[in-house]
Amino acid sequence: MNKRYKALLEKIEIEKRYGILEAIKKIKELKSAKFDETVELSLNLNVDPRHSDQMIRGSVVLPAGTGKTVTVAVMAKGVKEDEAKKAGADIVGNDDLVESIKAGNINFDVLIATPDTMALVGKIGRILGPKGLMPNPKVGTVTMDVTKAVSDAKGGQVAFKVDKKGNLQVGIGKVSFDENSLLENLNTFLSTINKLKPSTAKGRYITTATISLTMSPPVKLDTTQAMDIK
C-alpha cells in the first residue's frame, strides 16, 4: 500500500455506512490524481443470474451525463442512415461498416443497429462480443428510433449487467461534477436498479454498495437508504 493510498484511507471511517449525500461529499475529499477521476458505483445484488428472471440488465440515461465524450457508430440502411447522421452519429454505415470493423477499425464506444441490419451485425459478433460492443435491444442499442438512441448514448447513457455473482459497476460521473449532479446521477441509477428488483429475489436486495474514485479506496453506502430510492 503506497503512502498516497494510505493517506486517503485515513480520511474514511472504514466500517461506516455513509448516507448517500454524505458519501458524495466524502468522495470529493479523496481526489488525488492529476486527471478528472471517474466516480464509480459498485453494487452487489442478492440475485441469481442463472435464472433468467433474476438477470439484472439494462441501461439508464444519467441526467447530468457521464463526463465522457462518447463516439457512436450506427449500423443502418436507407433513410435511417440519414436519420443517424442528423442525430449526430460519428460513424454511419452497413456493409462498409462491417468490412471496416473486420479490418480492425473499432474506433467507437457504442454501436447502435436497426433491426434490419442485425444479420450484418451477426457477421462480426465474434469481434464485437468480447469488447462489449454487441448491440442489444435490452439496453436500447437495437432500435428503429436511432435519433433517440444516438441522443441517449451521447447524453449520458450507461449500460449495466450483473455478473454471475450479482456484482455490477458503473461510472456515475466525474469528481469535478458538483455534489448535486453526482447525487442526481446516483439516485437515478439506484432508482432504476430498485425498479428492476425481481419478485422472486429473496432477502436483502442490495447487499453491499460503495462509491470510489479511479484512484481512491471505496466509501461504503447505507444500503437501506439505497434501497429506499424510488
C-alpha atoms as a PDB file:
ATOM      1  CA  MET A   1       0.000   0.000   0.000  1.00  0.00           C
ATOM      2  CA  ASN A   2       1.608   3.286  -1.060  1.00  0.00           C
ATOM      3  CA  LYS A   3       1.672   6.460   1.031  1.00  0.00           C
ATOM      4  CA  ARG A   4      -0.938   8.237  -1.101  1.00  0.00           C
ATOM      5  CA  TYR A   5      -3.492   5.441  -0.763  1.00  0.00           C
ATOM      6  CA  LYS A   6      -2.781   5.077   2.959  1.00  0.00           C
ATOM      7  CA  ALA A   7      -3.350   8.801   3.445  1.00  0.00           C
ATOM      8  CA  LEU A   8      -6.710   8.542   1.654  1.00  0.00           C
ATOM      9  CA  LEU A   9      -7.738   5.595   3.837  1.00  0.00           C
ATOM     10  CA  GLU A  10      -7.164   7.712   6.910  1.00  0.00           C
ATOM     11  CA  LYS A  11      -9.878  10.093   5.694  1.00  0.00           C
ATOM     12  CA  ILE A  12     -12.507   7.310   5.699  1.00  0.00           C
ATOM     13  CA  GLU A  13     -14.262   5.538   8.545  1.00  0.00           C
ATOM     14  CA  ILE A  14     -13.748   2.060   7.095  1.00  0.00           C
ATOM     15  CA  GLU A  15     -16.696   0.316   8.752  1.00  0.00           C
ATOM     16  CA  LYS A  16     -19.135   3.208   8.495  1.00  0.00           C
ATOM     17  CA  ARG A  17     -22.090   3.015   6.090  1.00  0.00           C
ATOM     18  CA  TYR A  18     -22.357   6.571   4.806  1.00  0.00           C
ATOM     19  CA  GLY A  19     -25.583   8.251   3.783  1.00  0.00           C
ATOM     20  CA  ILE A  20     -25.735   8.941   0.061  1.00  0.00           C
ATOM     21  CA  LEU A  21     -25.100  12.700   0.161  1.00  0.00           C
ATOM     22  CA  GLU A  22     -22.547  12.252   2.944  1.00  0.00           C
ATOM     23  CA  ALA A  23     -20.710   9.678   0.808  1.00  0.00           C
ATOM     24  CA  ILE A  24     -20.626  12.023  -2.168  1.00  0.00           C
ATOM     25  CA  LYS A  25     -19.167  14.796  -0.007  1.00  0.00           C
ATOM     26  CA  LYS A  26     -16.563  12.353   1.315  1.00  0.00           C
ATOM     27  CA  ILE A  27     -15.597  11.026  -2.120  1.00  0.00           C
ATOM     28  CA  LYS A  28     -14.887  14.548  -3.359  1.00  0.00           C
ATOM     29  CA  GLU A  29     -12.392  14.893  -0.498  1.00  0.00           C
ATOM     30  CA  LEU A  30     -10.490  11.887  -1.840  1.00  0.00           C
ATOM     31  CA  LYS A  31      -9.450  13.422  -5.158  1.00  0.00           C
ATOM     32  CA  SER A  32      -5.734  12.791  -5.535  1.00  0.00           C
ATOM     33  CA  ALA A  33      -4.979  12.231  -9.236  1.00  0.00           C
ATOM     34  CA  LYS A  34      -3.885  14.833 -11.754  1.00  0.00           C
ATOM     35  CA  PHE A  35      -6.730  13.812 -14.091  1.00  0.00           C
ATOM     36  CA  ASP A  36     -10.502  14.098 -13.635  1.00  0.00           C
ATOM     37  CA  GLU A  37     -11.225  10.825 -11.860  1.00  0.00           C
ATOM     38  CA  THR A  38     -14.384   8.832 -12.535  1.00  0.00           C
ATOM     39  CA  VAL A  39     -16.830   8.304  -9.677  1.00  0.00           C
ATOM     40  CA  GLU A  40     -17.618   4.587  -9.713  1.00  0.00           C
ATOM     41  CA  LEU A  41     -20.581   2.884  -8.089  1.00  0.00           C
ATOM     42  CA  SER A  42     -20.245  -0.800  -7.193  1.00  0.00           C
ATOM     43  CA  LEU A  43     -23.203  -2.906  -6.087  1.00  0.00           C
ATOM     44  CA  ASN A  44     -23.741  -6.482  -5.063  1.00  0.00           C
ATOM     45  CA  LEU A  45     -27.314  -7.638  -5.594  1.00  0.00           C
ATOM     46  CA  ASN A  46     -28.907 -10.636  -3.936  1.00  0.00           C
ATOM     47  CA  VAL A  47     -29.941 -12.238  -7.237  1.00  0.00           C
ATOM     48  CA  ASP A  48     -29.041 -15.419  -9.076  1.00  0.00           C
ATOM     49  CA  PRO A  49     -28.396 -14.504 -12.731  1.00  0.00           C
ATOM     50  CA  ARG A  50     -28.560 -18.195 -13.679  1.00  0.00           C
ATOM     51  CA  HIS A  51     -32.326 -17.702 -13.536  1.00  0.00           C
ATOM     52  CA  SER A  52     -33.481 -15.532 -16.445  1.00  0.00           C
ATOM     53  CA  ASP A  53     -35.975 -13.646 -14.285  1.00  0.00           C
ATOM     54  CA  GLN A  54     -33.136 -12.581 -11.962  1.00  0.00           C
ATOM     55  CA  MET A  55     -30.759 -11.279 -14.650  1.00  0.00           C
ATOM     56  CA  ILE A  56     -30.470  -7.571 -13.900  1.00  0.00           C
ATOM     57  CA  ARG A  57     -29.560  -5.854 -17.142  1.00  0.00           C
ATOM     58  CA  GLY A  58     -30.460  -2.625 -18.883  1.00  0.00           C
ATOM     59  CA  SER A  59     -29.439   0.969 -19.457  1.00  0.00           C
ATOM     60  CA  VAL A  60     -30.216   4.345 -17.968  1.00  0.00           C
ATOM     61  CA  VAL A  61     -29.526   7.922 -19.032  1.00  0.00           C
ATOM     62  CA  LEU A  62     -27.804   9.824 -16.238  1.00  0.00           C
ATOM     63  CA  PRO A  63     -29.344  13.324 -16.041  1.00  0.00           C
ATOM     64  CA  ALA A  64     -26.014  15.089 -15.508  1.00  0.00           C
ATOM     65  CA  GLY A  65     -24.180  12.955 -18.078  1.00  0.00           C
ATOM     66  CA  THR A  66     -21.111  10.829 -17.551  1.00  0.00           C
ATOM     67  CA  GLY A  67     -18.449  13.436 -18.247  1.00  0.00           C
ATOM     68  CA  LYS A  68     -17.150  11.323 -21.117  1.00  0.00           C
ATOM     69  CA  THR A  69     -17.090  12.100 -24.826  1.00  0.00           C
ATOM     70  CA  VAL A  70     -18.763   9.100 -26.467  1.00  0.00           C
ATOM     71  CA  THR A  71     -18.110   8.087 -30.077  1.00  0.00           C
ATOM     72  CA  VAL A  72     -21.239   6.493 -31.561  1.00  0.00           C
ATOM     73  CA  ALA A  73     -21.459   4.237 -34.611  1.00  0.00           C
ATOM     74  CA  VAL A  74     -24.761   3.313 -36.241  1.00  0.00           C
ATOM     75  CA  MET A  75     -25.467   0.322 -38.491  1.00  0.00           C
ATOM     76  CA  ALA A  76     -28.450   1.322 -40.617  1.00  0.00           C
ATOM     77  CA  LYS A  77     -29.888   1.356 -44.125  1.00  0.00           C
ATOM     78  CA  GLY A  78     -31.686   3.876 -46.312  1.00  0.00           C
ATOM     79  CA  VAL A  79     -33.453   6.755 -44.560  1.00  0.00           C
ATOM     80  CA  LYS A  80     -32.221   5.527 -41.188  1.00  0.00           C
ATOM     81  CA  GLU A  81     -28.648   6.279 -42.289  1.00  0.00           C
ATOM     82  CA  ASP A  82     -29.627   9.891 -42.912  1.00  0.00           C
ATOM     83  CA  GLU A  83     -31.501   9.986 -39.608  1.00  0.00           C
ATOM     84  CA  ALA A  84     -28.433   8.728 -37.753  1.00  0.00           C
ATOM     85  CA  LYS A  85     -26.200  11.359 -39.363  1.00  0.00           C
ATOM     86  CA  LYS A  86     -28.639  14.143 -38.494  1.00  0.00           C
ATOM     87  CA  ALA A  87     -28.797  12.854 -34.920  1.00  0.00           C
ATOM     88  CA  GLY A  88     -25.042  13.316 -34.556  1.00  0.00           C
ATOM     89  CA  ALA A  89     -23.704   9.781 -35.000  1.00  0.00           C
ATOM     90  CA  ASP A  90     -19.941   9.812 -35.582  1.00  0.00           C
ATOM     91  CA  ILE A  91     -19.868   6.768 -37.883  1.00  0.00           C
ATOM     92  CA  VAL A  92     -22.734   5.500 -40.042  1.00  0.00           C
ATOM     93  CA  GLY A  93     -22.819   2.580 -42.477  1.00  0.00           C
ATOM     94  CA  ASN A  94     -23.829  -1.004 -43.150  1.00  0.00           C
ATOM     95  CA  ASP A  95     -21.795  -3.344 -45.376  1.00  0.00           C
ATOM     96  CA  ASP A  96     -18.937  -0.848 -45.480  1.00  0.00           C
ATOM     97  CA  LEU A  97     -19.004  -0.547 -41.677  1.00  0.00           C
ATOM     98  CA  VAL A  98     -18.900  -4.337 -41.329  1.00  0.00           C
ATOM     99  CA  GLU A  99     -15.795  -4.502 -43.537  1.00  0.00           C
ATOM    100  CA  SER A 100     -14.176  -1.661 -41.610  1.00  0.00           C
ATOM    101  CA  ILE A 101     -14.761  -3.456 -38.306  1.00  0.00           C
ATOM    102  CA  LYS A 102     -13.422  -6.706 -39.759  1.00  0.00           C
ATOM    103  CA  ALA A 103     -10.285  -4.784 -40.707  1.00  0.00           C
ATOM    104  CA  GLY A 104      -9.835  -3.815 -37.071  1.00  0.00           C
ATOM    105  CA  ASN A 105     -11.216  -0.280 -37.173  1.00  0.00           C
ATOM    106  CA  ILE A 106     -13.146  -0.229 -33.918  1.00  0.00           C
ATOM    107  CA  ASN A 107     -12.898   3.480 -33.169  1.00  0.00           C
ATOM    108  CA  PHE A 108     -16.229   3.864 -31.392  1.00  0.00           C
ATOM    109  CA  ASP A 109     -17.596   3.375 -27.874  1.00  0.00           C
ATOM    110  CA  VAL A 110     -21.180   2.374 -28.726  1.00  0.00           C
ATOM    111  CA  LEU A 111     -22.669   0.567 -31.723  1.00  0.00           C
ATOM    112  CA  ILE A 112     -26.358   1.090 -32.445  1.00  0.00           C
ATOM    113  CA  ALA A 113     -28.122  -1.056 -35.032  1.00  0.00           C
ATOM    114  CA  THR A 114     -31.547  -1.077 -36.632  1.00  0.00           C
ATOM    115  CA  PRO A 115     -33.304  -4.476 -36.518  1.00  0.00           C
ATOM    116  CA  ASP A 116     -32.975  -4.943 -40.294  1.00  0.00           C
ATOM    117  CA  THR A 117     -29.165  -4.840 -40.036  1.00  0.00           C
ATOM    118  CA  MET A 118     -28.762  -7.493 -37.342  1.00  0.00           C
ATOM    119  CA  ALA A 119     -27.855 -10.117 -39.922  1.00  0.00           C
ATOM    120  CA  LEU A 120     -24.888  -7.905 -40.836  1.00  0.00           C
ATOM    121  CA  VAL A 121     -24.033  -7.371 -37.179  1.00  0.00           C
ATOM    122  CA  GLY A 122     -24.075 -11.156 -36.718  1.00  0.00           C
ATOM    123  CA  LYS A 123     -21.141 -11.437 -39.127  1.00  0.00           C
ATOM    124  CA  ILE A 124     -18.965  -9.504 -36.687  1.00  0.00           C
ATOM    125  CA  GLY A 125     -20.444 -10.797 -33.449  1.00  0.00           C
ATOM    126  CA  ARG A 126     -17.227 -12.607 -32.527  1.00  0.00           C
ATOM    127  CA  ILE A 127     -15.370  -9.312 -32.785  1.00  0.00           C
ATOM    128  CA  LEU A 128     -17.929  -7.148 -31.007  1.00  0.00           C
ATOM    129  CA  GLY A 129     -18.956  -9.566 -28.242  1.00  0.00           C
ATOM    130  CA  PRO A 130     -15.660  -9.774 -26.327  1.00  0.00           C
ATOM    131  CA  LYS A 131     -15.372  -5.983 -26.453  1.00  0.00           C
ATOM    132  CA  GLY A 132     -18.859  -5.458 -25.021  1.00  0.00           C
ATOM    133  CA  LEU A 133     -19.992  -3.671 -28.185  1.00  0.00           C
ATOM    134  CA  MET A 134     -22.680  -6.054 -29.424  1.00  0.00           C
ATOM    135  CA  PRO A 135     -25.976  -4.175 -29.921  1.00  0.00           C
ATOM    136  CA  ASN A 136     -28.779  -5.425 -27.713  1.00  0.00           C
ATOM    137  CA  PRO A 137     -32.456  -4.434 -27.577  1.00  0.00           C
ATOM    138  CA  LYS A 138     -32.434  -4.756 -23.764  1.00  0.00           C
ATOM    139  CA  VAL A 139     -30.084  -1.782 -23.491  1.00  0.00           C
ATOM    140  CA  GLY A 140     -31.656   0.201 -26.320  1.00  0.00           C
ATOM    141  CA  THR A 141     -28.958  -0.283 -28.930  1.00  0.00           C
ATOM    142  CA  VAL A 142     -31.120  -2.307 -31.331  1.00  0.00           C
ATOM    143  CA  THR A 143     -33.886   0.050 -32.348  1.00  0.00           C
ATOM    144  CA  MET A 144     -35.580   1.841 -35.216  1.00  0.00           C
ATOM    145  CA  ASP A 145     -35.534   5.071 -33.206  1.00  0.00           C
ATOM    146  CA  VAL A 146     -31.920   5.869 -33.996  1.00  0.00           C
ATOM    147  CA  THR A 147     -32.377   9.551 -33.144  1.00  0.00           C
ATOM    148  CA  LYS A 148     -33.246   8.743 -29.528  1.00  0.00           C
ATOM    149  CA  ALA A 149     -30.575   6.036 -29.310  1.00  0.00           C
ATOM    150  CA  VAL A 150     -27.841   8.365 -30.524  1.00  0.00           C
ATOM    151  CA  SER A 151     -29.070  11.163 -28.246  1.00  0.00           C
ATOM    152  CA  ASP A 152     -29.117   8.830 -25.237  1.00  0.00           C
ATOM    153  CA  ALA A 153     -25.650   7.456 -25.978  1.00  0.00           C
ATOM    154  CA  LYS A 154     -24.213  10.949 -26.369  1.00  0.00           C
ATOM    155  CA  GLY A 155     -26.147  12.342 -23.431  1.00  0.00           C
ATOM    156  CA  GLY A 156     -25.064  10.104 -20.576  1.00  0.00           C
ATOM    157  CA  GLN A 157     -26.472   6.624 -21.096  1.00  0.00           C
ATOM    158  CA  VAL A 158     -24.799   3.816 -19.192  1.00  0.00           C
ATOM    159  CA  ALA A 159     -25.450   0.133 -19.738  1.00  0.00           C
ATOM    160  CA  PHE A 160     -25.224  -2.337 -16.875  1.00  0.00           C
ATOM    161  CA  LYS A 161     -25.366  -6.078 -16.302  1.00  0.00           C
ATOM    162  CA  VAL A 162     -24.743  -8.146 -13.191  1.00  0.00           C
ATOM    163  CA  ASP A 163     -22.042 -10.773 -13.337  1.00  0.00           C
ATOM    164  CA  LYS A 164     -22.609 -14.348 -12.206  1.00  0.00           C
ATOM    165  CA  LYS A 165     -22.095 -13.332  -8.573  1.00  0.00           C
ATOM    166  CA  GLY A 166     -24.561 -10.429  -8.694  1.00  0.00           C
ATOM    167  CA  ASN A 167     -21.942  -7.674  -8.928  1.00  0.00           C
ATOM    168  CA  LEU A 168     -22.137  -4.638 -11.176  1.00  0.00           C
ATOM    169  CA  GLN A 169     -20.048  -1.495 -11.536  1.00  0.00           C
ATOM    170  CA  VAL A 170     -20.751   1.723 -13.432  1.00  0.00           C
ATOM    171  CA  GLY A 171     -19.321   5.203 -13.696  1.00  0.00           C
ATOM    172  CA  ILE A 172     -21.786   7.830 -12.482  1.00  0.00           C
ATOM    173  CA  GLY A 173     -19.821  10.956 -13.344  1.00  0.00           C
ATOM    174  CA  LYS A 174     -16.553  12.725 -12.662  1.00  0.00           C
ATOM    175  CA  VAL A 175     -15.114  14.052  -9.417  1.00  0.00           C
ATOM    176  CA  SER A 176     -15.243  17.535 -10.983  1.00  0.00           C
ATOM    177  CA  PHE A 177     -19.075  17.349 -11.022  1.00  0.00           C
ATOM    178  CA  ASP A 178     -20.794  19.340  -8.293  1.00  0.00           C
ATOM    179  CA  GLU A 179     -22.422  17.433  -5.432  1.00  0.00           C
ATOM    180  CA  ASN A 180     -25.963  17.900  -6.739  1.00  0.00           C
ATOM    181  CA  SER A 181     -25.075  16.472 -10.164  1.00  0.00           C
ATOM    182  CA  LEU A 182     -23.460  13.404  -8.627  1.00  0.00           C
ATOM    183  CA  LEU A 183     -26.392  12.992  -6.249  1.00  0.00           C
ATOM    184  CA  GLU A 184     -28.882  13.206  -9.126  1.00  0.00           C
ATOM    185  CA  ASN A 185     -26.940  10.657 -11.176  1.00  0.00           C
ATOM    186  CA  LEU A 186     -26.526   8.264  -8.261  1.00  0.00           C
ATOM    187  CA  ASN A 187     -30.186   8.456  -7.265  1.00  0.00           C
ATOM    188  CA  THR A 188     -31.304   7.962 -10.867  1.00  0.00           C
ATOM    189  CA  PHE A 189     -29.182   4.834 -11.177  1.00  0.00           C
ATOM    190  CA  LEU A 190     -30.295   3.396  -7.831  1.00  0.00           C
ATOM    191  CA  SER A 191     -33.935   4.095  -8.704  1.00  0.00           C
ATOM    192  CA  THR A 192     -33.506   2.149 -11.939  1.00  0.00           C
ATOM    193  CA  ILE A 193     -31.912  -0.795 -10.149  1.00  0.00           C
ATOM    194  CA  ASN A 194     -34.617  -0.843  -7.474  1.00  0.00           C
ATOM    195  CA  LYS A 195     -37.375  -0.902 -10.085  1.00  0.00           C
ATOM    196  CA  LEU A 196     -35.759  -3.991 -11.619  1.00  0.00           C
ATOM    197  CA  LYS A 197     -35.878  -5.995  -8.396  1.00  0.00           C
ATOM    198  CA  PRO A 198     -37.215  -9.446  -9.321  1.00  0.00           C
ATOM    199  CA  SER A 199     -40.297 -10.632  -7.456  1.00  0.00           C
ATOM    200  CA  THR A 200     -38.505 -13.949  -6.982  1.00  0.00           C
ATOM    201  CA  ALA A 201     -35.476 -12.389  -5.254  1.00  0.00           C
ATOM    202  CA  LYS A 202     -35.443 -13.243  -1.565  1.00  0.00           C
ATOM    203  CA  GLY A 203     -33.791 -11.412   1.308  1.00  0.00           C
ATOM    204  CA  ARG A 204     -31.952  -8.108   1.173  1.00  0.00           C
ATOM    205  CA  TYR A 205     -31.818  -6.908  -2.452  1.00  0.00           C
ATOM    206  CA  ILE A 206     -28.736  -4.636  -2.294  1.00  0.00           C
ATOM    207  CA  THR A 207     -26.270  -6.435  -0.058  1.00  0.00           C
ATOM    208  CA  THR A 208     -23.327  -4.043  -0.474  1.00  0.00           C
ATOM    209  CA  ALA A 209     -22.852  -0.667  -2.153  1.00  0.00           C
ATOM    210  CA  THR A 210     -19.754   1.509  -2.436  1.00  0.00           C
ATOM    211  CA  ILE A 211     -18.594   4.544  -4.367  1.00  0.00           C
ATOM    212  CA  SER A 212     -14.980   5.275  -5.163  1.00  0.00           C
ATOM    213  CA  LEU A 213     -12.768   7.306  -7.438  1.00  0.00           C
ATOM    214  CA  THR A 214     -10.469   5.816 -10.052  1.00  0.00           C
ATOM    215  CA  MET A 215      -7.545   6.136  -7.655  1.00  0.00           C
ATOM    216  CA  SER A 216      -9.241   6.016  -4.249  1.00  0.00           C
ATOM    217  CA  PRO A 217     -10.369   3.451  -1.689  1.00  0.00           C
ATOM    218  CA  PRO A 218     -14.134   2.783  -1.597  1.00  0.00           C
ATOM    219  CA  VAL A 219     -16.663   4.534   0.626  1.00  0.00           C
ATOM    220  CA  LYS A 220     -19.433   2.228   1.872  1.00  0.00           C
ATOM    221  CA  LEU A 221     -23.046   3.307   1.348  1.00  0.00           C
ATOM    222  CA  ASP A 222     -26.015   2.764   3.640  1.00  0.00           C
ATOM    223  CA  THR A 223     -27.803   0.009   1.677  1.00  0.00           C
ATOM    224  CA  THR A 224     -31.116   0.632   3.448  1.00  0.00           C
ATOM    225  CA  GLN A 225     -31.113   4.196   2.159  1.00  0.00           C
ATOM    226  CA  ALA A 226     -30.000   2.978  -1.274  1.00  0.00           C
ATOM    227  CA  MET A 227     -32.956   0.577  -1.456  1.00  0.00           C
ATOM    228  CA  ASP A 228     -35.355   3.367  -0.465  1.00  0.00           C
ATOM    229  CA  ILE A 229     -34.580   5.407  -3.601  1.00  0.00           C
ATOM    230  CA  LYS A 230     -37.668   5.221  -5.817  1.00  0.00           C
END
